[in-house]
Amino acid sequence: MAAQHWGDLSPRARRLLLAGAAAEGVLKVAALADIKRRPASEIRGSKWVWGPAMIINSAGAIPLAYFVFGRRRRG
């Protein structure tokens, strides 16, 4: 399969790629901000593992996993 270039994509495909990249970026920034402000006792696992894992190209999977599984419930 030949690689496609940005100019070869339809305008709709470009918009979808940009929207997906923006959504992933927002998720990563929100997760990193939450990790920074939340005490370690309220996070399942190590902050030092969750933080760098966010930087890896994850297609949104790592930030979503953090919000679903990585945070302990307050209360």
PDB file of N, CA and C in Angstrom:
ATOM      1  N   MET A   1       0.848  -1.174   0.000  1.00  0.00           N
ATOM      2  CA  MET A   1       0.000   0.000   0.000  1.00  0.00           C
ATOM      3  C   MET A   1       0.895   1.239   0.000  1.00  0.00           C
ATOM      4  N   ALA A   2       0.661   2.108  -0.948  1.00  0.00           N
ATOM      5  CA  ALA A   2       1.473   3.317  -1.071  1.00  0.00           C
ATOM      6  C   ALA A   2       1.035   4.351  -0.030  1.00  0.00           C
ATOM      7  N   ALA A   3       2.003   5.069   0.495  1.00  0.00           N
ATOM      8  CA  ALA A   3       1.712   6.116   1.476  1.00  0.00           C
ATOM      9  C   ALA A   3       1.013   7.282   0.784  1.00  0.00           C
ATOM     10  N   GLN A   4       0.037   7.838   1.478  1.00  0.00           N
ATOM     11  CA  GLN A   4      -0.656   8.997   0.945  1.00  0.00           C
ATOM     12  C   GLN A   4      -0.029  10.254   1.518  1.00  0.00           C
ATOM     13  N   HIS A   5      -0.043  11.283   0.731  1.00  0.00           N
ATOM     14  CA  HIS A   5       0.454  12.584   1.168  1.00  0.00           C
ATOM     15  C   HIS A   5      -0.739  13.457   1.556  1.00  0.00           C
ATOM     16  N   TRP A   6      -0.465  14.479   2.346  1.00  0.00           N
ATOM     17  CA  TRP A   6      -1.525  15.369   2.820  1.00  0.00           C
ATOM     18  C   TRP A   6      -2.338  15.922   1.656  1.00  0.00           C
ATOM     19  N   GLY A   7      -1.664  16.310   0.600  1.00  0.00           N
ATOM     20  CA  GLY A   7      -2.345  16.883  -0.562  1.00  0.00           C
ATOM     21  C   GLY A   7      -3.229  15.889  -1.299  1.00  0.00           C
ATOM     22  N   ASP A   8      -2.976  14.594  -1.115  1.00  0.00           N
ATOM     23  CA  ASP A   8      -3.784  13.568  -1.776  1.00  0.00           C
ATOM     24  C   ASP A   8      -5.085  13.274  -1.034  1.00  0.00           C
ATOM     25  N   LEU A   9      -5.197  13.727   0.200  1.00  0.00           N
ATOM     26  CA  LEU A   9      -6.382  13.441   1.003  1.00  0.00           C
ATOM     27  C   LEU A   9      -7.525  14.387   0.634  1.00  0.00           C
ATOM     28  N   SER A  10      -8.721  13.887   0.797  1.00  0.00           N
ATOM     29  CA  SER A  10      -9.899  14.727   0.542  1.00  0.00           C
ATOM     30  C   SER A  10     -10.022  15.752   1.676  1.00  0.00           C
ATOM     31  N   PRO A  11     -10.702  16.851   1.427  1.00  0.00           N
ATOM     32  CA  PRO A  11     -10.909  17.840   2.499  1.00  0.00           C
ATOM     33  C   PRO A  11     -11.569  17.232   3.744  1.00  0.00           C
ATOM     34  N   ARG A  12     -12.503  16.291   3.546  1.00  0.00           N
ATOM     35  CA  ARG A  12     -13.165  15.633   4.678  1.00  0.00           C
ATOM     36  C   ARG A  12     -12.162  14.819   5.489  1.00  0.00           C
ATOM     37  N   ALA A  13     -11.297  14.070   4.812  1.00  0.00           N
ATOM     38  CA  ALA A  13     -10.288  13.273   5.509  1.00  0.00           C
ATOM     39  C   ALA A  13      -9.320  14.164   6.280  1.00  0.00           C
ATOM     40  N   ARG A  14      -8.959  15.291   5.708  1.00  0.00           N
ATOM     41  CA  ARG A  14      -8.074  16.239   6.402  1.00  0.00           C
ATOM     42  C   ARG A  14      -8.727  16.760   7.678  1.00  0.00           C
ATOM     43  N   ARG A  15     -10.005  17.143   7.569  1.00  0.00           N
ATOM     44  CA  ARG A  15     -10.723  17.650   8.753  1.00  0.00           C
ATOM     45  C   ARG A  15     -10.822  16.587   9.834  1.00  0.00           C
ATOM     46  N   LEU A  16     -11.103  15.343   9.436  1.00  0.00           N
ATOM     47  CA  LEU A  16     -11.197  14.258  10.415  1.00  0.00           C
ATOM     48  C   LEU A  16      -9.858  14.009  11.106  1.00  0.00           C
ATOM     49  N   LEU A  17      -8.778  14.027  10.352  1.00  0.00           N
ATOM     50  CA  LEU A  17      -7.446  13.846  10.946  1.00  0.00           C
ATOM     51  C   LEU A  17      -7.112  14.980  11.903  1.00  0.00           C
ATOM     52  N   LEU A  18      -7.411  16.203  11.518  1.00  0.00           N
ATOM     53  CA  LEU A  18      -7.140  17.343  12.394  1.00  0.00           C
ATOM     54  C   LEU A  18      -7.991  17.291  13.660  1.00  0.00           C
ATOM     55  N   ALA A  19      -9.258  16.907  13.520  1.00  0.00           N
ATOM     56  CA  ALA A  19     -10.134  16.801  14.687  1.00  0.00           C
ATOM     57  C   ALA A  19      -9.653  15.697  15.633  1.00  0.00           C
ATOM     58  N   GLY A  20      -9.235  14.588  15.074  1.00  0.00           N
ATOM     59  CA  GLY A  20      -8.715  13.493  15.902  1.00  0.00           C
ATOM     60  C   GLY A  20      -7.442  13.886  16.623  1.00  0.00           C
ATOM     61  N   ALA A  21      -6.556  14.563  15.932  1.00  0.00           N
ATOM     62  CA  ALA A  21      -5.308  15.016  16.559  1.00  0.00           C
ATOM     63  C   ALA A  21      -5.584  16.035  17.655  1.00  0.00           C
ATOM     64  N   ALA A  22      -6.525  16.920  17.416  1.00  0.00           N
ATOM     65  CA  ALA A  22      -6.877  17.918  18.440  1.00  0.00           C
ATOM     66  C   ALA A  22      -7.492  17.248  19.661  1.00  0.00           C
ATOM     67  N   ALA A  23      -8.372  16.280  19.442  1.00  0.00           N
ATOM     68  CA  ALA A  23      -9.001  15.569  20.557  1.00  0.00           C
ATOM     69  C   ALA A  23      -7.952  14.820  21.375  1.00  0.00           C
ATOM     70  N   GLU A  24      -7.019  14.169  20.710  1.00  0.00           N
ATOM     71  CA  GLU A  24      -5.958  13.459  21.427  1.00  0.00           C
ATOM     72  C   GLU A  24      -5.100  14.436  22.226  1.00  0.00           C
ATOM     73  N   GLY A  25      -4.791  15.569  21.638  1.00  0.00           N
ATOM     74  CA  GLY A  25      -3.989  16.570  22.338  1.00  0.00           C
ATOM     75  C   GLY A  25      -4.687  17.091  23.583  1.00  0.00           C
ATOM     76  N   VAL A  26      -5.984  17.356  23.463  1.00  0.00           N
ATOM     77  CA  VAL A  26      -6.752  17.839  24.618  1.00  0.00           C
ATOM     78  C   VAL A  26      -6.794  16.777  25.709  1.00  0.00           C
ATOM     79  N   LEU A  27      -7.018  15.519  25.330  1.00  0.00           N
ATOM     80  CA  LEU A  27      -7.037  14.436  26.312  1.00  0.00           C
ATOM     81  C   LEU A  27      -5.697  14.317  27.036  1.00  0.00           C
ATOM     82  N   LYS A  28      -4.606  14.398  26.291  1.00  0.00           N
ATOM     83  CA  LYS A  28      -3.277  14.280  26.900  1.00  0.00           C
ATOM     84  C   LYS A  28      -3.000  15.434  27.858  1.00  0.00           C
ATOM     85  N   VAL A  29      -3.312  16.646  27.447  1.00  0.00           N
ATOM     86  CA  VAL A  29      -3.074  17.813  28.308  1.00  0.00           C
ATOM     87  C   VAL A  29      -3.933  17.715  29.570  1.00  0.00           C
ATOM     88  N   ALA A  30      -5.197  17.320  29.427  1.00  0.00           N
ATOM     89  CA  ALA A  30      -6.082  17.193  30.588  1.00  0.00           C
ATOM     90  C   ALA A  30      -5.578  16.115  31.543  1.00  0.00           C
ATOM     91  N   ALA A  31      -5.138  14.982  30.995  1.00  0.00           N
ATOM     92  CA  ALA A  31      -4.632  13.902  31.845  1.00  0.00           C
ATOM     93  C   ALA A  31      -3.346  14.319  32.552  1.00  0.00           C
ATOM     94  N   LEU A  32      -2.436  14.962  31.843  1.00  0.00           N
ATOM     95  CA  LEU A  32      -1.186  15.411  32.469  1.00  0.00           C
ATOM     96  C   LEU A  32      -1.448  16.445  33.557  1.00  0.00           C
ATOM     97  N   ALA A  33      -2.383  17.350  33.322  1.00  0.00           N
ATOM     98  CA  ALA A  33      -2.728  18.354  34.337  1.00  0.00           C
ATOM     99  C   ALA A  33      -3.341  17.678  35.565  1.00  0.00           C
ATOM    100  N   ASP A  34      -4.181  16.684  35.345  1.00  0.00           N
ATOM    101  CA  ASP A  34      -4.792  15.966  36.454  1.00  0.00           C
ATOM    102  C   ASP A  34      -3.744  15.189  37.251  1.00  0.00           C
ATOM    103  N   ILE A  35      -2.814  14.570  36.567  1.00  0.00           N
ATOM    104  CA  ILE A  35      -1.736  13.834  37.245  1.00  0.00           C
ATOM    105  C   ILE A  35      -0.903  14.784  38.088  1.00  0.00           C
ATOM    106  N   LYS A  36      -0.636  15.954  37.562  1.00  0.00           N
ATOM    107  CA  LYS A  36       0.204  16.913  38.294  1.00  0.00           C
ATOM    108  C   LYS A  36      -0.489  17.420  39.560  1.00  0.00           C
ATOM    109  N   ARG A  37      -1.774  17.706  39.503  1.00  0.00           N
ATOM    110  CA  ARG A  37      -2.451  18.296  40.657  1.00  0.00           C
ATOM    111  C   ARG A  37      -2.975  17.262  41.655  1.00  0.00           C
ATOM    112  N   ARG A  38      -3.193  16.036  41.233  1.00  0.00           N
ATOM    113  CA  ARG A  38      -3.771  15.002  42.093  1.00  0.00           C
ATOM    114  C   ARG A  38      -2.685  14.370  42.959  1.00  0.00           C
ATOM    115  N   PRO A  39      -2.945  14.179  44.251  1.00  0.00           N
ATOM    116  CA  PRO A  39      -1.965  13.498  45.106  1.00  0.00           C
ATOM    117  C   PRO A  39      -1.731  12.055  44.637  1.00  0.00           C
ATOM    118  N   ALA A  40      -0.527  11.563  44.868  1.00  0.00           N
ATOM    119  CA  ALA A  40      -0.170  10.206  44.428  1.00  0.00           C
ATOM    120  C   ALA A  40      -1.089   9.155  45.046  1.00  0.00           C
ATOM    121  N   SER A  41      -1.609   9.416  46.226  1.00  0.00           N
ATOM    122  CA  SER A  41      -2.493   8.448  46.889  1.00  0.00           C
ATOM    123  C   SER A  41      -3.824   8.287  46.154  1.00  0.00           C
ATOM    124  N   GLU A  42      -4.159   9.226  45.294  1.00  0.00           N
ATOM    125  CA  GLU A  42      -5.417   9.156  44.545  1.00  0.00           C
ATOM    126  C   GLU A  42      -5.218   8.645  43.121  1.00  0.00           C
ATOM    127  N   ILE A  43      -4.039   8.133  42.842  1.00  0.00           N
ATOM    128  CA  ILE A  43      -3.744   7.602  41.508  1.00  0.00           C
ATOM    129  C   ILE A  43      -3.358   6.140  41.651  1.00  0.00           C
ATOM    130  N   ARG A  44      -3.978   5.302  40.842  1.00  0.00           N
ATOM    131  CA  ARG A  44      -3.607   3.889  40.817  1.00  0.00           C
ATOM    132  C   ARG A  44      -2.330   3.764  40.003  1.00  0.00           C
ATOM    133  N   GLY A  45      -1.297   3.247  40.603  1.00  0.00           N
ATOM    134  CA  GLY A  45      -0.009   3.153  39.927  1.00  0.00           C
ATOM    135  C   GLY A  45       0.824   4.379  40.226  1.00  0.00           C
ATOM    136  N   SER A  46       1.946   4.461  39.579  1.00  0.00           N
ATOM    137  CA  SER A  46       2.905   5.525  39.819  1.00  0.00           C
ATOM    138  C   SER A  46       2.667   6.711  38.882  1.00  0.00           C
ATOM    139  N   LYS A  47       2.790   7.917  39.452  1.00  0.00           N
ATOM    140  CA  LYS A  47       2.730   9.108  38.603  1.00  0.00           C
ATOM    141  C   LYS A  47       3.836   9.064  37.559  1.00  0.00           C
ATOM    142  N   TRP A  48       4.979   8.495  37.936  1.00  0.00           N
ATOM    143  CA  TRP A  48       6.134   8.434  37.038  1.00  0.00           C
ATOM    144  C   TRP A  48       5.939   7.427  35.906  1.00  0.00           C
ATOM    145  N   VAL A  49       4.929   6.613  35.991  1.00  0.00           N
ATOM    146  CA  VAL A  49       4.604   5.706  34.884  1.00  0.00           C
ATOM    147  C   VAL A  49       3.518   6.330  34.011  1.00  0.00           C
ATOM    148  N   TRP A  50       2.485   6.871  34.649  1.00  0.00           N
ATOM    149  CA  TRP A  50       1.389   7.476  33.880  1.00  0.00           C
ATOM    150  C   TRP A  50       1.869   8.678  33.059  1.00  0.00           C
ATOM    151  N   GLY A  51       2.678   9.532  33.665  1.00  0.00           N
ATOM    152  CA  GLY A  51       3.128  10.750  32.979  1.00  0.00           C
ATOM    153  C   GLY A  51       3.829  10.485  31.656  1.00  0.00           C
ATOM    154  N   PRO A  52       4.945   9.740  31.681  1.00  0.00           N
ATOM    155  CA  PRO A  52       5.630   9.462  30.405  1.00  0.00           C
ATOM    156  C   PRO A  52       4.781   8.657  29.423  1.00  0.00           C
ATOM    157  N   ALA A  53       3.880   7.828  29.940  1.00  0.00           N
ATOM    158  CA  ALA A  53       3.028   7.043  29.038  1.00  0.00           C
ATOM    159  C   ALA A  53       2.131   7.957  28.204  1.00  0.00           C
ATOM    160  N   MET A  54       1.795   9.128  28.731  1.00  0.00           N
ATOM    161  CA  MET A  54       0.955  10.071  27.988  1.00  0.00           C
ATOM    162  C   MET A  54       1.668  10.619  26.758  1.00  0.00           C
ATOM    163  N   ILE A  55       2.982  10.711  26.835  1.00  0.00           N
ATOM    164  CA  ILE A  55       3.757  11.318  25.759  1.00  0.00           C
ATOM    165  C   ILE A  55       3.879  10.382  24.558  1.00  0.00           C
ATOM    166  N   ILE A  56       3.786   9.095  24.817  1.00  0.00           N
ATOM    167  CA  ILE A  56       3.871   8.104  23.741  1.00  0.00           C
ATOM    168  C   ILE A  56       2.671   8.272  22.814  1.00  0.00           C
ATOM    169  N   ASN A  57       2.885   8.120  21.531  1.00  0.00           N
ATOM    170  CA  ASN A  57       1.791   8.217  20.572  1.00  0.00           C
ATOM    171  C   ASN A  57       0.822   7.068  20.831  1.00  0.00           C
ATOM    172  N   SER A  58      -0.326   7.382  21.396  1.00  0.00           N
ATOM    173  CA  SER A  58      -1.234   6.352  21.880  1.00  0.00           C
ATOM    174  C   SER A  58      -2.611   6.368  21.227  1.00  0.00           C
ATOM    175  N   ALA A  59      -2.844   7.270  20.326  1.00  0.00           N
ATOM    176  CA  ALA A  59      -4.153   7.419  19.675  1.00  0.00           C
ATOM    177  C   ALA A  59      -5.261   7.591  20.709  1.00  0.00           C
ATOM    178  N   GLY A  60      -4.934   8.240  21.825  1.00  0.00           N
ATOM    179  CA  GLY A  60      -5.928   8.521  22.848  1.00  0.00           C
ATOM    180  C   GLY A  60      -6.169   7.404  23.837  1.00  0.00           C
ATOM    181  N   ALA A  61      -5.572   6.228  23.628  1.00  0.00           N
ATOM    182  CA  ALA A  61      -5.839   5.080  24.493  1.00  0.00           C
ATOM    183  C   ALA A  61      -5.290   5.275  25.902  1.00  0.00           C
ATOM    184  N   ILE A  62      -4.088   5.795  26.045  1.00  0.00           N
ATOM    185  CA  ILE A  62      -3.483   5.961  27.369  1.00  0.00           C
ATOM    186  C   ILE A  62      -4.228   7.030  28.177  1.00  0.00           C
ATOM    187  N   PRO A  63      -4.517   8.207  27.624  1.00  0.00           N
ATOM    188  CA  PRO A  63      -5.276   9.175  28.416  1.00  0.00           C
ATOM    189  C   PRO A  63      -6.660   8.655  28.820  1.00  0.00           C
ATOM    190  N   LEU A  64      -7.337   7.965  27.937  1.00  0.00           N
ATOM    191  CA  LEU A  64      -8.647   7.399  28.288  1.00  0.00           C
ATOM    192  C   LEU A  64      -8.499   6.348  29.378  1.00  0.00           C
ATOM    193  N   ALA A  65      -7.479   5.501  29.284  1.00  0.00           N
ATOM    194  CA  ALA A  65      -7.242   4.487  30.311  1.00  0.00           C
ATOM    195  C   ALA A  65      -6.964   5.145  31.654  1.00  0.00           C
ATOM    196  N   TYR A  66      -6.232   6.243  31.654  1.00  0.00           N
ATOM    197  CA  TYR A  66      -5.958   6.946  32.912  1.00  0.00           C
ATOM    198  C   TYR A  66      -7.260   7.441  33.538  1.00  0.00           C
ATOM    199  N   PHE A  67      -8.113   8.097  32.742  1.00  0.00           N
ATOM    200  CA  PHE A  67      -9.350   8.641  33.291  1.00  0.00           C
ATOM    201  C   PHE A  67     -10.308   7.538  33.743  1.00  0.00           C
ATOM    202  N   VAL A  68     -10.283   6.378  33.093  1.00  0.00           N
ATOM    203  CA  VAL A  68     -11.193   5.295  33.455  1.00  0.00           C
ATOM    204  C   VAL A  68     -10.641   4.452  34.604  1.00  0.00           C
ATOM    205  N   PHE A  69      -9.351   4.071  34.517  1.00  0.00           N
ATOM    206  CA  PHE A  69      -8.788   3.126  35.475  1.00  0.00           C
ATOM    207  C   PHE A  69      -7.750   3.719  36.428  1.00  0.00           C
ATOM    208  N   GLY A  70      -7.124   4.811  36.063  1.00  0.00           N
ATOM    209  CA  GLY A  70      -5.973   5.300  36.813  1.00  0.00           C
ATOM    210  C   GLY A  70      -6.282   6.154  38.025  1.00  0.00           C
ATOM    211  N   ARG A  71      -7.484   6.686  38.089  1.00  0.00           N
ATOM    212  CA  ARG A  71      -7.818   7.574  39.210  1.00  0.00           C
ATOM    213  C   ARG A  71      -8.647   6.844  40.237  1.00  0.00           C
ATOM    214  N   ARG A  72      -8.304   7.044  41.492  1.00  0.00           N
ATOM    215  CA  ARG A  72      -9.115   6.501  42.578  1.00  0.00           C
ATOM    216  C   ARG A  72     -10.263   7.458  42.839  1.00  0.00           C
ATOM    217  N   ARG A  73     -11.373   6.934  43.247  1.00  0.00           N
ATOM    218  CA  ARG A  73     -12.543   7.749  43.576  1.00  0.00           C
ATOM    219  C   ARG A  73     -12.305   8.480  44.880  1.00  0.00           C
ATOM    220  N   ARG A  74     -12.668   9.730  44.909  1.00  0.00           N
ATOM    221  CA  ARG A  74     -12.563  10.495  46.148  1.00  0.00           C
ATOM    222  C   ARG A  74     -13.720  10.143  47.066  1.00  0.00           C
ATOM    223  N   GLY A  75     -13.449  10.194  48.355  1.00  0.00           N
ATOM    224  CA  GLY A  75     -14.561  10.043  49.268  1.00  0.00           C
ATOM    225  C   GLY A  75     -14.471   8.959  50.212  1.00  0.00           C
TER     226      GLY A  75
END
